[in-house]
Amino acid sequence: MVTGTKTTEEKIYQVLRDAILNADLPPGQQLKESLLAETFGVSRTPIRTVFQRLKFDSLIELKPKRGAFVYCPSPSEAEQIFEMRQLLEPRAIELAAIHATDIELQKMQHFLEEERILIKDKSFHKSLVATKNFHISIVEASRNLFLIESLRKMITLSHIILTFYDASEHKEANAIDEHAELFEAVQNRQPESAKALAVHHVNSIQNDIDFSKEYSHSVPIAKIVNKYI
């Protein structure tokens, strides 16, 4: 059991979310209500609430009569996700190069610098969070609410895929160069160039994913949870 008294629902959510996004809880790992309730020192009720939040974040799937499992899109689902990004993201980035404000550009640059620092420190899983935020910050500057809503989900799902199947120094170093080029095109108000760079970049991300990695093992939940407390 976690040291101390009962853990708050928000803390439980943060612990499980971070453990998944750092790949400490692998795809397919079952999350048992009873074990988590015991580990956190709570009833099953807050665990169920947290499961709903994690499902909304696309981090777990809830299977009837079986329970909660850490989620990652399958190779065929990943192909569909990147097909959607290839259709939508270049247009969103093209619009961002037209509409982005100085404040929005500063936000993009912040995430770009954060990503660069984390990669230099070899914190590759943490850098993926900055990568996700960088992409979303550009998309949000498109001013198209429907593009933003669709791409926010696609980019989040891509982040989950990359968390488990692409967190290597070589690939991340290449990505940071492409992100810098994207930002420069948006900053310099070059919509056609930004669009072309986005087409190349989404293809690059998809081609670098290595689905040969296997996560057939389960990990001790209590040990992982205590790592984050």
Protein backbone atom coordinates (compact mmCIF):
# COMPACT_ATOMS: atom_id res chain seq x y z
CA MET A 1 0.00 0.00 0.00
CA VAL A 2 1.10 3.55 -0.65
CA THR A 3 2.69 5.13 2.41
CA GLY A 4 0.38 7.41 4.43
CA THR A 5 -3.37 7.91 4.29
CA LYS A 6 -5.73 7.63 1.36
CA THR A 7 -4.53 9.08 -1.92
CA THR A 8 -6.66 11.68 -3.70
CA GLU A 9 -8.42 10.86 -6.94
CA GLU A 10 -6.36 13.47 -8.81
CA LYS A 11 -3.12 11.95 -7.55
CA ILE A 12 -4.22 8.46 -8.60
CA TYR A 13 -5.01 9.81 -12.07
CA GLN A 14 -1.64 11.54 -12.36
CA VAL A 15 0.28 8.46 -11.21
CA LEU A 16 -1.42 6.08 -13.64
CA ARG A 17 -1.31 8.57 -16.51
CA ASP A 18 2.41 9.24 -16.04
CA ALA A 19 3.21 5.55 -15.64
CA ILE A 20 1.49 4.82 -18.96
CA LEU A 21 3.01 7.78 -20.82
CA ASN A 22 6.48 6.80 -19.58
CA ALA A 23 5.89 3.22 -20.79
CA ASP A 24 6.27 1.79 -17.28
CA LEU A 25 2.84 0.24 -17.74
CA PRO A 26 2.99 -1.49 -21.15
CA PRO A 27 0.20 -1.97 -23.73
CA GLY A 28 -2.15 -4.75 -22.72
CA GLN A 29 -1.31 -4.49 -19.01
CA GLN A 30 -4.43 -5.18 -16.97
CA LEU A 31 -5.27 -2.63 -14.31
CA LYS A 32 -7.27 -4.43 -11.60
CA GLU A 33 -9.63 -2.30 -9.54
CA SER A 34 -9.12 -4.31 -6.35
CA LEU A 35 -5.33 -4.26 -6.54
CA LEU A 36 -5.20 -0.53 -7.31
CA ALA A 37 -7.67 0.25 -4.51
CA GLU A 38 -5.48 -1.67 -2.07
CA THR A 39 -2.28 -0.09 -3.38
CA PHE A 40 -3.61 3.48 -3.12
CA GLY A 41 -5.50 2.84 0.10
CA VAL A 42 -8.89 3.81 -1.32
CA SER A 43 -12.22 2.19 -2.20
CA ARG A 44 -12.94 1.06 -5.74
CA THR A 45 -15.10 4.13 -6.44
CA PRO A 46 -12.27 6.65 -7.14
CA ILE A 47 -10.45 3.97 -9.15
CA ARG A 48 -13.49 3.62 -11.41
CA THR A 49 -13.68 7.40 -11.83
CA VAL A 50 -9.99 7.53 -12.76
CA PHE A 51 -10.53 4.73 -15.28
CA GLN A 52 -13.17 6.85 -17.02
CA ARG A 53 -10.73 9.77 -17.23
CA LEU A 54 -7.98 7.55 -18.60
CA LYS A 55 -10.39 6.11 -21.15
CA PHE A 56 -11.31 9.64 -22.24
CA ASP A 57 -7.58 10.30 -22.70
CA SER A 58 -7.35 7.15 -24.88
CA LEU A 59 -4.82 5.70 -22.42
CA ILE A 60 -6.84 2.65 -21.42
CA GLU A 61 -9.68 0.59 -22.83
CA LEU A 62 -12.49 -0.87 -20.73
CA LYS A 63 -13.51 -4.34 -21.87
CA PRO A 64 -16.91 -5.67 -20.72
CA LYS A 65 -16.58 -8.43 -18.10
CA ARG A 66 -12.78 -8.29 -18.39
CA GLY A 67 -11.75 -4.94 -16.95
CA ALA A 68 -9.31 -2.12 -17.75
CA PHE A 69 -6.25 -2.52 -19.94
CA VAL A 70 -3.51 -0.11 -21.01
CA TYR A 71 -4.29 0.91 -24.58
CA CYS A 72 -2.15 1.46 -27.64
CA PRO A 73 -3.49 1.53 -31.21
CA SER A 74 -2.75 -1.58 -33.24
CA PRO A 75 -0.59 -1.30 -36.41
CA SER A 76 -3.71 -1.15 -38.58
CA GLU A 77 -5.29 1.51 -36.34
CA ALA A 78 -2.02 3.46 -36.37
CA GLU A 79 -2.08 3.45 -40.16
CA GLN A 80 -5.56 4.98 -40.10
CA ILE A 81 -4.53 7.58 -37.51
CA PHE A 82 -1.58 8.73 -39.60
CA GLU A 83 -3.73 8.74 -42.73
CA MET A 84 -6.02 11.23 -40.94
CA ARG A 85 -3.04 13.32 -39.85
CA GLN A 86 -1.69 13.31 -43.40
CA LEU A 87 -5.01 14.61 -44.70
CA LEU A 88 -5.63 17.26 -42.03
CA GLU A 89 -2.39 18.42 -40.43
CA PRO A 90 -0.71 19.99 -43.50
CA ARG A 91 -3.78 22.20 -43.98
CA ALA A 92 -3.83 23.16 -40.30
CA ILE A 93 -0.14 24.10 -40.39
CA GLU A 94 -0.68 26.03 -43.63
CA LEU A 95 -3.38 28.05 -41.85
CA ALA A 96 -1.16 28.52 -38.81
CA ALA A 97 1.45 30.18 -41.01
CA ILE A 98 -1.20 32.70 -41.97
CA HIS A 99 -2.93 33.31 -38.64
CA ALA A 100 -0.45 32.62 -35.81
CA THR A 101 -0.04 35.50 -33.35
CA ASP A 102 3.21 36.47 -31.66
CA ILE A 103 2.00 34.86 -28.43
CA GLU A 104 1.20 31.62 -30.27
CA LEU A 105 4.62 31.66 -31.92
CA GLN A 106 6.24 32.10 -28.51
CA LYS A 107 4.27 29.11 -27.24
CA MET A 108 5.48 26.96 -30.15
CA GLN A 109 9.06 28.06 -29.56
CA HIS A 110 8.77 27.23 -25.86
CA PHE A 111 7.75 23.63 -26.58
CA LEU A 112 10.44 23.36 -29.25
CA GLU A 113 13.13 24.46 -26.80
CA GLU A 114 11.74 22.17 -24.11
CA GLU A 115 11.88 19.25 -26.53
CA ARG A 116 15.47 20.09 -27.49
CA ILE A 117 16.61 20.22 -23.84
CA LEU A 118 14.93 16.91 -22.95
CA ILE A 119 16.43 15.14 -25.95
CA LYS A 120 19.87 16.50 -25.05
CA ASP A 121 19.35 15.10 -21.54
CA LYS A 122 18.30 11.77 -23.10
CA SER A 123 14.86 12.04 -21.50
CA PHE A 124 13.20 10.67 -24.60
CA HIS A 125 9.80 9.73 -23.18
CA LYS A 126 9.48 13.15 -21.52
CA SER A 127 10.49 14.82 -24.78
CA LEU A 128 7.52 13.17 -26.49
CA VAL A 129 5.18 15.22 -24.29
CA ALA A 130 6.88 18.40 -25.53
CA THR A 131 6.60 17.04 -29.08
CA LYS A 132 2.87 16.50 -28.68
CA ASN A 133 2.41 19.98 -27.22
CA PHE A 134 4.45 21.52 -30.05
CA HIS A 135 2.25 19.94 -32.71
CA ILE A 136 -0.96 20.87 -30.92
CA SER A 137 0.22 24.46 -30.43
CA ILE A 138 0.67 24.84 -34.19
CA VAL A 139 -2.68 23.23 -34.96
CA GLU A 140 -4.42 25.53 -32.45
CA ALA A 141 -3.12 28.53 -34.40
CA SER A 142 -5.05 27.38 -37.50
CA ARG A 143 -8.26 29.06 -36.21
CA ASN A 144 -10.29 26.11 -37.57
CA LEU A 145 -12.11 24.60 -34.58
CA PHE A 146 -13.01 21.40 -36.40
CA LEU A 147 -9.44 20.79 -37.53
CA ILE A 148 -8.24 21.49 -34.02
CA GLU A 149 -10.68 19.06 -32.41
CA SER A 150 -9.92 16.25 -34.86
CA LEU A 151 -6.16 16.70 -34.83
CA ARG A 152 -5.91 17.05 -31.07
CA LYS A 153 -7.23 13.48 -30.77
CA MET A 154 -5.08 12.16 -33.64
CA ILE A 155 -1.92 13.75 -32.21
CA THR A 156 -2.70 12.37 -28.74
CA LEU A 157 -3.14 8.87 -30.17
CA SER A 158 0.11 9.29 -32.12
CA HIS A 159 1.80 10.28 -28.87
CA ILE A 160 0.67 7.01 -27.29
CA ILE A 161 2.01 5.04 -30.26
CA LEU A 162 5.36 6.82 -30.13
CA THR A 163 5.57 6.35 -26.35
CA PHE A 164 5.65 2.58 -26.74
CA TYR A 165 7.20 2.08 -30.16
CA ASP A 166 9.50 5.01 -30.91
CA ALA A 167 11.58 6.60 -28.16
CA SER A 168 15.11 6.47 -29.52
CA GLU A 169 17.87 9.05 -29.59
CA HIS A 170 18.43 8.87 -33.35
CA LYS A 171 14.79 9.27 -34.33
CA GLU A 172 14.14 12.06 -31.85
CA ALA A 173 17.21 13.98 -33.03
CA ASN A 174 15.88 13.87 -36.60
CA ALA A 175 12.44 14.96 -35.41
CA ILE A 176 13.76 18.06 -33.66
CA ASP A 177 15.36 19.27 -36.92
CA GLU A 178 12.08 18.81 -38.78
CA HIS A 179 10.18 20.59 -36.00
CA ALA A 180 12.58 23.52 -36.23
CA GLU A 181 11.96 23.74 -39.99
CA LEU A 182 8.20 23.66 -39.45
CA PHE A 183 8.39 26.41 -36.85
CA GLU A 184 10.58 28.56 -39.09
CA ALA A 185 8.11 28.27 -41.97
CA VAL A 186 5.19 29.21 -39.70
CA GLN A 187 7.12 32.06 -38.10
CA ASN A 188 8.19 33.44 -41.49
CA ARG A 189 4.62 33.34 -42.84
CA GLN A 190 5.36 30.74 -45.53
CA PRO A 191 2.13 28.71 -45.75
CA GLU A 192 3.02 26.69 -48.85
CA SER A 193 6.41 25.74 -47.46
CA ALA A 194 4.87 24.89 -44.06
CA LYS A 195 2.30 22.65 -45.75
CA ALA A 196 4.94 20.77 -47.75
CA LEU A 197 7.14 20.32 -44.67
CA ALA A 198 4.16 18.96 -42.74
CA VAL A 199 3.45 16.35 -45.42
CA HIS A 200 7.05 15.17 -45.22
CA HIS A 201 7.13 15.23 -41.43
CA VAL A 202 3.99 13.14 -40.88
CA ASN A 203 5.35 10.56 -43.34
CA SER A 204 8.65 10.60 -41.48
CA ILE A 205 6.98 9.93 -38.14
CA GLN A 206 4.98 7.01 -39.51
CA ASN A 207 7.95 5.44 -41.29
CA ASP A 208 10.04 5.49 -38.12
CA ILE A 209 7.59 3.52 -35.96
CA ASP A 210 8.83 0.07 -35.02
CA PHE A 211 5.91 -2.23 -34.28
CA SER A 212 8.23 -5.23 -33.92
CA LYS A 213 8.62 -4.40 -30.22
CA GLU A 214 6.62 -6.77 -28.07
CA TYR A 215 4.99 -6.06 -24.73
CA SER A 216 3.63 -9.47 -23.79
CA HIS A 217 4.67 -9.28 -20.14
CA SER A 218 2.85 -7.81 -17.17
CA VAL A 219 4.56 -5.69 -14.56
CA PRO A 220 3.97 -5.50 -10.78
CA ILE A 221 1.44 -2.69 -10.37
CA ALA A 222 2.26 -1.88 -6.75
CA LYS A 223 5.97 -1.51 -7.56
CA ILE A 224 5.25 0.83 -10.47
CA VAL A 225 2.78 2.93 -8.46
CA ASN A 226 5.21 3.38 -5.58
CA LYS A 227 7.80 4.63 -8.07
CA TYR A 228 5.56 7.66 -8.73
CA ILE A 229 4.40 8.44 -5.21
